[in-house]
Amino acid sequence: MARRLINLLLFAAALAPAAGSAQSFGRFGYVSRFDLPGFTVDSDGFVVSHPAADRIRFARPARVWKPTATSDMEQTVALGGPAGNPAKVRASLLAPGFALYFEKGLSLKVGSTGAPYLTWREGSAASGVPTPNVRWVVLSFRDAQPPLVLGFPDGPSSLTVTGKPGAWTIEGAPDFRGWVRVGLPVGLQPAAANSAAALGRLAESAAEEEDIWSHNAPVLQNLTVQADEDSVVADWTFSRVGALLPRAAVLAEIGGYPLKVLSPARRMKLSLGEGPASVCKSTELRIRLPIRRVPTGRGLSVGADLSAPMGTVSPFDVPSIVELSLETLSATRDIQTRHSAEETGSEYLSQAAYFKEPWSDQLLPYDAAGVGIDLASAHALLSQAVTASTRATSEDNALLTSVAWRRDWHTWLPWVADPNQRRRAAALSALAGVLCPEPERRLSAAMFQAGLSAERGLEIWRRRTGQTSNEAKLLEPMPGLRQALFRLAGLVTEEARYADTWLSPVRVFSDVPLHVTEFEKNYTVEWPVLEPKASVLRLAAGYEIRLDAISNLPRYRVDQALGTTEVLYTPETTGICQARLFLPDWAKPLPRSRSIPRYSEAAK
């Protein structure tokens, strides 16, 4: 126990960055570029995610890429550019596109053959003709590729196209200073701007969302979470209306998770290839996410112990770590199981490889590619199982925190390239979060599950819209257990029924294996005694229970307070102690015992 505590403290210290407070980074960690819905942005310029799109280059490649502010929702990067170059670039997942900040003029270059057109609400301009001062301008091309919209949050501005075939420049005034929003007015749909009518249609499309293009992205101001037995309700408050809904919130229900967006939203006409895009109609995004509340402690269930004790567990084998976690939560497990879980976790913390995230200086148990994040998630589940099995209150779970830091705001999944590692880490982190009593960590668990379901929902949407005819196979770790705990759609399996033991209304916190059998309308509880000494049995329930001594309990006293029943007893001999458990007449019966499921991760 002491060794585990020391390792946990050392790892928690390693998570703290060298300076400042720790912060989630999602997709914005490790790399010197932005991979955004519809765009890739780097130190040389940006390009739309379409095979026909021309690359837009800065006047000169940026000298540096230095993040100055990072969260899972946005990142601001200093570029240190010369005159005409952007000094900063900001990506926000709360708005489509990204933003560039210019201090000394504005200059962008493109190598298209034909001169681009600049279009605003009232007209268009060819090369050599400046636009009037306007709040936004559409930049379109003569060949079929997605047009761009450039918006000016700091006030109306003018642009001009100059140059020659293969070397065009989009310029602002020499003294231009301010932010420029870059977006896609018709999404990834290619449009050839080769007629007045085509240019007019592009202007109409841009005008429909001009409030987005001509303002900076919303900023998160507050998050509140409320919880009940069956769900959490999260309220994100932003600085202005129009925050882009995460893909996970839009597509999770299609993928089988009954999440509900409770605040008003509207569907945008454009798509960035990741499902339909929707934005908030108010400054609030309110979402209800189903997640059943698992009380702390180990749930009592009725019937014989159907699971054989585990043997040696490798701290680097995900399936056996998950199975040890489930065994740790069983009311029939003994103290040796808890010791095995603690030693397994301690070995992992002392032997795992740790990698520095360069922008925050945090040491994390996975590398830039995400290798190791699924193992960290499995140990987060094991750590939470140990805590929940013996304590009525929770404590920090540094491993679970480290995985949540890499969760992307748009997808609500860990931002790693390997789809199996991504889904395995999300599923195991969701199960770890279910065991947490705090509303905030239950929300985190539900977000992971919503991300998993939304990824499946995205595949369904793509098939429905004719973008693909293939049915992608997605990994589903422990699907039955998550189905029961998150109210997922589907047939109830034996693994899902096992979840009832997690939800039992009567909990035990003592490290003794309790076996329960039915007796008339009540229950008999028995447990082994290896040494006849003064001991304590702690139970908890949401109502008053009664526990009467039957055998091998000559000294026996019951104290009750605030839903907790504490039995102080001294056995007469080694062997079995027995007591009678009485529940209120109106209480639901204890669940039936089920075999602890083996680890599974079917691709379906």
Foldseek 3Di string as FASTA:
>chain_A
DVLLVVLQVVQLVLQAFPDDGDAFAAPNFDDQWDDFLQWIGHQFFIWGPDPPTWTKGFPGRFPDWAWDDGHLFKTKTARNDDAQGFRIWMDGLQAAFTKTWHQFWHKIKTFAQAFWWWAAQPGIDTAPDKDPFDQKIWTAAQDWWFIKMKGFQVGTWMWHWDDHHGIIMITTPRRDGGMIGIHGLAAGGTFHPDDPVSSNVSNVSCVVPSVRRRHDGWDWDDWDWDDDQWKIKIKTFTPWWWTKAFLLQVQLVLLFFPKDWPADKDWRNHDSLQDTIITGPTRMTMMIFTFGAQAFAAFDAADDAPEDDDDQDALQDLQSLLLLLLLLRHLQAFVVSLVNLSVSLSVCSVPADWDAGVNRRRTARADPQRPRLLSLLSNLSSVLSSQRHADRAHDDRSSLVRQLSNQRNRLLWRPHDDQQSGLSNLQSSLNSLSSHRDRVSPVNSSSSSSSLSSVQSSQVSCCVVVVDVDRFWHKDKLPLCCCLRRVGDDDHDLSVLQNLSSRHQKRWNDRWRWHWHDDDPWIKIKTWFPAQDWDKTKMFGPDDKDKAWDAQFPDWDWDDDDRMIMIITGGPGGTMTMIIIGDPPPDDDGHHHGYSDGIDIGTD
